[in-house]
PDB file of N, CA and C in Angstrom:
ATOM      1  N   MET A   1      11.757  11.969   4.847  1.00  0.00           N
ATOM      2  CA  MET A   1      10.877  11.911   3.705  1.00  0.00           C
ATOM      3  C   MET A   1      11.682  11.381   2.512  1.00  0.00           C
ATOM      4  N   SER A   2      11.073  10.495   1.748  1.00  0.00           N
ATOM      5  CA  SER A   2      11.776   9.913   0.606  1.00  0.00           C
ATOM      6  C   SER A   2      11.065  10.273  -0.703  1.00  0.00           C
ATOM      7  N   LEU A   3      11.802  10.189  -1.767  1.00  0.00           N
ATOM      8  CA  LEU A   3      11.271  10.484  -3.091  1.00  0.00           C
ATOM      9  C   LEU A   3      10.531   9.252  -3.612  1.00  0.00           C
ATOM     10  N   VAL A   4       9.302   9.451  -4.111  1.00  0.00           N
ATOM     11  CA  VAL A   4       8.496   8.344  -4.616  1.00  0.00           C
ATOM     12  C   VAL A   4       8.032   8.619  -6.033  1.00  0.00           C
ATOM     13  N   LYS A   5       7.754   7.547  -6.761  1.00  0.00           N
ATOM     14  CA  LYS A   5       7.224   7.622  -8.123  1.00  0.00           C
ATOM     15  C   LYS A   5       5.807   7.052  -8.097  1.00  0.00           C
ATOM     16  N   CYS A   6       4.858   7.778  -8.668  1.00  0.00           N
ATOM     17  CA  CYS A   6       3.471   7.323  -8.701  1.00  0.00           C
ATOM     18  C   CYS A   6       3.322   6.239  -9.764  1.00  0.00           C
ATOM     19  N   LEU A   7       2.758   5.098  -9.353  1.00  0.00           N
ATOM     20  CA  LEU A   7       2.525   3.986 -10.274  1.00  0.00           C
ATOM     21  C   LEU A   7       1.094   3.970 -10.791  1.00  0.00           C
ATOM     22  N   GLY A   8       0.181   4.600 -10.066  1.00  0.00           N
ATOM     23  CA  GLY A   8      -1.206   4.647 -10.508  1.00  0.00           C
ATOM     24  C   GLY A   8      -2.182   4.694  -9.348  1.00  0.00           C
ATOM     25  N   PHE A   9      -3.448   4.783  -9.696  1.00  0.00           N
ATOM     26  CA  PHE A   9      -4.526   4.868  -8.719  1.00  0.00           C
ATOM     27  C   PHE A   9      -5.556   3.791  -9.015  1.00  0.00           C
ATOM     28  N   ALA A  10      -6.309   3.416  -7.995  1.00  0.00           N
ATOM     29  CA  ALA A  10      -7.370   2.428  -8.163  1.00  0.00           C
ATOM     30  C   ALA A  10      -8.478   2.720  -7.155  1.00  0.00           C
ATOM     31  N   THR A  11      -9.682   2.304  -7.491  1.00  0.00           N
ATOM     32  CA  THR A  11     -10.811   2.409  -6.576  1.00  0.00           C
ATOM     33  C   THR A  11     -11.135   1.013  -6.059  1.00  0.00           C
ATOM     34  N   LEU A  12     -11.150   0.866  -4.752  1.00  0.00           N
ATOM     35  CA  LEU A  12     -11.471  -0.424  -4.134  1.00  0.00           C
ATOM     36  C   LEU A  12     -12.985  -0.642  -4.160  1.00  0.00           C
ATOM     37  N   PRO A  13     -13.440  -1.893  -3.997  1.00  0.00           N
ATOM     38  CA  PRO A  13     -14.882  -2.173  -3.990  1.00  0.00           C
ATOM     39  C   PRO A  13     -15.649  -1.389  -2.915  1.00  0.00           C
ATOM     40  N   CYS A  14     -14.969  -1.011  -1.831  1.00  0.00           N
ATOM     41  CA  CYS A  14     -15.624  -0.269  -0.747  1.00  0.00           C
ATOM     42  C   CYS A  14     -15.780   1.215  -1.072  1.00  0.00           C
ATOM     43  N   GLY A  15     -15.172   1.667  -2.188  1.00  0.00           N
ATOM     44  CA  GLY A  15     -15.270   3.057  -2.593  1.00  0.00           C
ATOM     45  C   GLY A  15     -14.041   3.893  -2.276  1.00  0.00           C
ATOM     46  N   CYS A  16     -13.088   3.331  -1.549  1.00  0.00           N
ATOM     47  CA  CYS A  16     -11.858   4.062  -1.231  1.00  0.00           C
ATOM     48  C   CYS A  16     -10.966   4.150  -2.460  1.00  0.00           C
ATOM     49  N   VAL A  17     -10.260   5.262  -2.582  1.00  0.00           N
ATOM     50  CA  VAL A  17      -9.312   5.459  -3.674  1.00  0.00           C
ATOM     51  C   VAL A  17      -7.907   5.306  -3.106  1.00  0.00           C
ATOM     52  N   ILE A  18      -7.123   4.423  -3.722  1.00  0.00           N
ATOM     53  CA  ILE A  18      -5.757   4.204  -3.265  1.00  0.00           C
ATOM     54  C   ILE A  18      -4.777   4.619  -4.351  1.00  0.00           C
ATOM     55  N   GLY A  19      -3.607   5.003  -3.912  1.00  0.00           N
ATOM     56  CA  GLY A  19      -2.520   5.309  -4.829  1.00  0.00           C
ATOM     57  C   GLY A  19      -1.389   4.326  -4.583  1.00  0.00           C
ATOM     58  N   ARG A  20      -0.742   3.890  -5.634  1.00  0.00           N
ATOM     59  CA  ARG A  20       0.403   2.983  -5.521  1.00  0.00           C
ATOM     60  C   ARG A  20       1.648   3.777  -5.890  1.00  0.00           C
ATOM     61  N   TYR A  21       2.648   3.702  -5.034  1.00  0.00           N
ATOM     62  CA  TYR A  21       3.883   4.455  -5.222  1.00  0.00           C
ATOM     63  C   TYR A  21       5.075   3.529  -5.023  1.00  0.00           C
ATOM     64  N   ARG A  22       6.210   3.904  -5.609  1.00  0.00           N
ATOM     65  CA  ARG A  22       7.451   3.150  -5.415  1.00  0.00           C
ATOM     66  C   ARG A  22       8.509   4.130  -4.948  1.00  0.00           C
ATOM     67  N   GLU A  23       9.178   3.769  -3.826  1.00  0.00           N
ATOM     68  CA  GLU A  23      10.284   4.584  -3.344  1.00  0.00           C
ATOM     69  C   GLU A  23      11.428   4.479  -4.338  1.00  0.00           C
ATOM     70  N   VAL A  24      12.002   5.601  -4.705  1.00  0.00           N
ATOM     71  CA  VAL A  24      13.047   5.626  -5.717  1.00  0.00           C
ATOM     72  C   VAL A  24      14.315   4.933  -5.232  1.00  0.00           C
ATOM     73  N   THR A  25      14.694   5.130  -3.979  1.00  0.00           N
ATOM     74  CA  THR A  25      15.958   4.569  -3.487  1.00  0.00           C
ATOM     75  C   THR A  25      15.877   3.083  -3.165  1.00  0.00           C
ATOM     76  N   SER A  26      14.787   2.635  -2.552  1.00  0.00           N
ATOM     77  CA  SER A  26      14.702   1.234  -2.108  1.00  0.00           C
ATOM     78  C   SER A  26      13.861   0.352  -3.027  1.00  0.00           C
ATOM     79  N   HIS A  27      13.116   0.954  -3.950  1.00  0.00           N
ATOM     80  CA  HIS A  27      12.219   0.239  -4.866  1.00  0.00           C
ATOM     81  C   HIS A  27      11.068  -0.460  -4.131  1.00  0.00           C
ATOM     82  N   ARG A  28      10.837  -0.093  -2.889  1.00  0.00           N
ATOM     83  CA  ARG A  28       9.729  -0.660  -2.116  1.00  0.00           C
ATOM     84  C   ARG A  28       8.420  -0.032  -2.587  1.00  0.00           C
ATOM     85  N   GLU A  29       7.386  -0.842  -2.754  1.00  0.00           N
ATOM     86  CA  GLU A  29       6.087  -0.340  -3.190  1.00  0.00           C
ATOM     87  C   GLU A  29       5.238   0.015  -1.975  1.00  0.00           C
ATOM     88  N   ILE A  30       4.556   1.156  -2.070  1.00  0.00           N
ATOM     89  CA  ILE A  30       3.729   1.658  -0.981  1.00  0.00           C
ATOM     90  C   ILE A  30       2.315   1.868  -1.517  1.00  0.00           C
ATOM     91  N   VAL A  31       1.323   1.425  -0.748  1.00  0.00           N
ATOM     92  CA  VAL A  31      -0.083   1.648  -1.091  1.00  0.00           C
ATOM     93  C   VAL A  31      -0.632   2.636  -0.072  1.00  0.00           C
ATOM     94  N   TYR A  32      -1.212   3.711  -0.569  1.00  0.00           N
ATOM     95  CA  TYR A  32      -1.604   4.851   0.245  1.00  0.00           C
ATOM     96  C   TYR A  32      -3.076   5.155  -0.001  1.00  0.00           C
ATOM     97  N   VAL A  33      -3.855   5.365   1.055  1.00  0.00           N
ATOM     98  CA  VAL A  33      -5.276   5.706   0.917  1.00  0.00           C
ATOM     99  C   VAL A  33      -5.377   7.201   0.622  1.00  0.00           C
ATOM    100  N   GLU A  34      -5.795   7.524  -0.586  1.00  0.00           N
ATOM    101  CA  GLU A  34      -5.944   8.923  -0.982  1.00  0.00           C
ATOM    102  C   GLU A  34      -7.262   9.498  -0.458  1.00  0.00           C
ATOM    103  N   GLU A  35      -8.346   8.751  -0.640  1.00  0.00           N
ATOM    104  CA  GLU A  35      -9.672   9.175  -0.175  1.00  0.00           C
ATOM    105  C   GLU A  35     -10.427   7.968   0.345  1.00  0.00           C
ATOM    106  N   LYS A  36     -11.118   8.132   1.473  1.00  0.00           N
ATOM    107  CA  LYS A  36     -11.930   7.057   2.040  1.00  0.00           C
ATOM    108  C   LYS A  36     -13.310   7.101   1.407  1.00  0.00           C
ATOM    109  N   GLY A  37     -13.815   5.936   1.044  1.00  0.00           N
ATOM    110  CA  GLY A  37     -15.146   5.844   0.461  1.00  0.00           C
ATOM    111  C   GLY A  37     -16.214   6.224   1.475  1.00  0.00           C
ATOM    112  N   PRO A  38     -17.306   6.848   1.039  1.00  0.00           N
ATOM    113  CA  PRO A  38     -18.347   7.303   1.969  1.00  0.00           C
ATOM    114  C   PRO A  38     -19.033   6.166   2.724  1.00  0.00           C
ATOM    115  N   ALA A  39     -19.074   4.970   2.155  1.00  0.00           N
ATOM    116  CA  ALA A  39     -19.744   3.850   2.823  1.00  0.00           C
ATOM    117  C   ALA A  39     -18.756   2.817   3.372  1.00  0.00           C
ATOM    118  N   CYS A  40     -17.461   3.105   3.320  1.00  0.00           N
ATOM    119  CA  CYS A  40     -16.450   2.144   3.757  1.00  0.00           C
ATOM    120  C   CYS A  40     -16.488   1.981   5.271  1.00  0.00           C
ATOM    121  N   GLU A  41     -16.511   0.723   5.723  1.00  0.00           N
ATOM    122  CA  GLU A  41     -16.526   0.422   7.152  1.00  0.00           C
ATOM    123  C   GLU A  41     -15.208  -0.184   7.630  1.00  0.00           C
ATOM    124  N   ASP A  42     -14.216  -0.283   6.762  1.00  0.00           N
ATOM    125  CA  ASP A  42     -12.928  -0.862   7.122  1.00  0.00           C
ATOM    126  C   ASP A  42     -12.105   0.174   7.883  1.00  0.00           C
ATOM    127  N   HIS A  43     -11.771  -0.119   9.144  1.00  0.00           N
ATOM    128  CA  HIS A  43     -11.036   0.826   9.980  1.00  0.00           C
ATOM    129  C   HIS A  43      -9.588   1.000   9.531  1.00  0.00           C
ATOM    130  N   ALA A  44      -9.071   0.065   8.744  1.00  0.00           N
ATOM    131  CA  ALA A  44      -7.703   0.178   8.236  1.00  0.00           C
ATOM    132  C   ALA A  44      -7.619   1.180   7.089  1.00  0.00           C
ATOM    133  N   HIS A  45      -8.753   1.500   6.487  1.00  0.00           N
ATOM    134  CA  HIS A  45      -8.769   2.461   5.377  1.00  0.00           C
ATOM    135  C   HIS A  45      -8.947   3.864   5.960  1.00  0.00           C
ATOM    136  N   ARG A  46      -7.841   4.504   6.257  1.00  0.00           N
ATOM    137  CA  ARG A  46      -7.860   5.860   6.794  1.00  0.00           C
ATOM    138  C   ARG A  46      -7.176   6.784   5.808  1.00  0.00           C
ATOM    139  N   ARG A  47      -7.805   7.896   5.528  1.00  0.00           N
ATOM    140  CA  ARG A  47      -7.257   8.863   4.568  1.00  0.00           C
ATOM    141  C   ARG A  47      -5.859   9.288   5.010  1.00  0.00           C
ATOM    142  N   ASN A  48      -4.954   9.383   4.038  1.00  0.00           N
ATOM    143  CA  ASN A  48      -3.573   9.810   4.254  1.00  0.00           C
ATOM    144  C   ASN A  48      -2.749   8.806   5.064  1.00  0.00           C
ATOM    145  N   HIS A  49      -3.120   7.528   5.019  1.00  0.00           N
ATOM    146  CA  HIS A  49      -2.361   6.480   5.692  1.00  0.00           C
ATOM    147  C   HIS A  49      -2.004   5.380   4.692  1.00  0.00           C
ATOM    148  N   THR A  50      -0.938   4.675   4.992  1.00  0.00           N
ATOM    149  CA  THR A  50      -0.538   3.554   4.145  1.00  0.00           C
ATOM    150  C   THR A  50      -1.333   2.317   4.514  1.00  0.00           C
ATOM    151  N   LEU A  51      -1.439   1.401   3.553  1.00  0.00           N
ATOM    152  CA  LEU A  51      -2.064   0.105   3.780  1.00  0.00           C
ATOM    153  C   LEU A  51      -0.987  -0.962   3.750  1.00  0.00           C
ATOM    154  N   LEU A  52      -1.132  -1.960   4.590  1.00  0.00           N
ATOM    155  CA  LEU A  52      -0.226  -3.093   4.551  1.00  0.00           C
ATOM    156  C   LEU A  52      -0.577  -3.960   3.356  1.00  0.00           C
ATOM    157  N   PRO A  53       0.417  -4.586   2.737  1.00  0.00           N
ATOM    158  CA  PRO A  53       0.103  -5.507   1.638  1.00  0.00           C
ATOM    159  C   PRO A  53      -0.661  -6.706   2.187  1.00  0.00           C
ATOM    160  N   PRO A  54      -1.341  -7.458   1.331  1.00  0.00           N
ATOM    161  CA  PRO A  54      -2.062  -8.647   1.796  1.00  0.00           C
ATOM    162  C   PRO A  54      -1.122  -9.612   2.523  1.00  0.00           C
ATOM    163  N   LEU A  55      -1.681 -10.413   3.401  1.00  0.00           N
ATOM    164  CA  LEU A  55      -0.916 -11.330   4.240  1.00  0.00           C
ATOM    165  C   LEU A  55      -0.001 -12.233   3.426  1.00  0.00           C
ATOM    166  N   GLN A  56      -0.454 -12.716   2.288  1.00  0.00           N
ATOM    167  CA  GLN A  56       0.369 -13.603   1.472  1.00  0.00           C
ATOM    168  C   GLN A  56       1.637 -12.890   1.009  1.00  0.00           C
ATOM    169  N   GLU A  57       1.522 -11.629   0.599  1.00  0.00           N
ATOM    170  CA  GLU A  57       2.683 -10.870   0.148  1.00  0.00           C
ATOM    171  C   GLU A  57       3.648 -10.616   1.304  1.00  0.00           C
ATOM    172  N   ARG A  58       3.123 -10.325   2.501  1.00  0.00           N
ATOM    173  CA  ARG A  58       3.989 -10.082   3.659  1.00  0.00           C
ATOM    174  C   ARG A  58       4.754 -11.345   4.020  1.00  0.00           C
ATOM    175  N   ARG A  59       4.084 -12.504   3.968  1.00  0.00           N
ATOM    176  CA  ARG A  59       4.760 -13.770   4.270  1.00  0.00           C
ATOM    177  C   ARG A  59       5.848 -14.066   3.255  1.00  0.00           C
ATOM    178  N   ALA A  60       5.561 -13.858   1.977  1.00  0.00           N
ATOM    179  CA  ALA A  60       6.551 -14.108   0.931  1.00  0.00           C
ATOM    180  C   ALA A  60       7.752 -13.184   1.099  1.00  0.00           C
ATOM    181  N   ALA A  61       7.511 -11.928   1.432  1.00  0.00           N
ATOM    182  CA  ALA A  61       8.607 -10.974   1.628  1.00  0.00           C
ATOM    183  C   ALA A  61       9.457 -11.371   2.823  1.00  0.00           C
ATOM    184  N   SER A  62       8.830 -11.819   3.906  1.00  0.00           N
ATOM    185  CA  SER A  62       9.601 -12.208   5.086  1.00  0.00           C
ATOM    186  C   SER A  62      10.410 -13.473   4.818  1.00  0.00           C
ATOM    187  N   LEU A  63       9.864 -14.391   4.000  1.00  0.00           N
ATOM    188  CA  LEU A  63      10.623 -15.599   3.659  1.00  0.00           C
ATOM    189  C   LEU A  63      11.825 -15.261   2.798  1.00  0.00           C
ATOM    190  N   SER A  64      11.659 -14.340   1.844  1.00  0.00           N
ATOM    191  CA  SER A  64      12.789 -13.999   0.968  1.00  0.00           C
ATOM    192  C   SER A  64      13.871 -13.278   1.759  1.00  0.00           C
ATOM    193  N   VAL A  65      13.496 -12.473   2.747  1.00  0.00           N
ATOM    194  CA  VAL A  65      14.491 -11.797   3.591  1.00  0.00           C
ATOM    195  C   VAL A  65      15.225 -12.841   4.447  1.00  0.00           C
ATOM    196  N   ALA A  66      14.480 -13.804   4.982  1.00  0.00           N
ATOM    197  CA  ALA A  66      15.094 -14.833   5.821  1.00  0.00           C
ATOM    198  C   ALA A  66      16.066 -15.683   5.011  1.00  0.00           C
ATOM    199  N   ARG A  67      15.733 -15.994   3.766  1.00  0.00           N
ATOM    200  CA  ARG A  67      16.603 -16.793   2.917  1.00  0.00           C
ATOM    201  C   ARG A  67      17.873 -16.031   2.536  1.00  0.00           C
ATOM    202  N   ALA A  68      17.746 -14.718   2.374  1.00  0.00           N
ATOM    203  CA  ALA A  68      18.896 -13.912   1.965  1.00  0.00           C
ATOM    204  C   ALA A  68      19.890 -13.738   3.108  1.00  0.00           C
ATOM    205  N   SER A  69      19.448 -13.924   4.335  1.00  0.00           N
ATOM    206  CA  SER A  69      20.331 -13.731   5.487  1.00  0.00           C
ATOM    207  C   SER A  69      21.317 -14.857   5.678  1.00  0.00           C
TER     208      SER A  69
END
């Protein structure tokens, strides 16, 4: 378990509430589903689970890691 700092909360258009956190040691940002919206049909939005960043952000992160190697 790692120490995290809360950056804030947001409500998605589907009604789910997410929290944004940053790990103190690695500075990695984590998006966490706090509550699932009552009408949400997205199977990736599960209460108490993390969400992956959008595909564009994942690609950019993988490119920066590859360049640093």
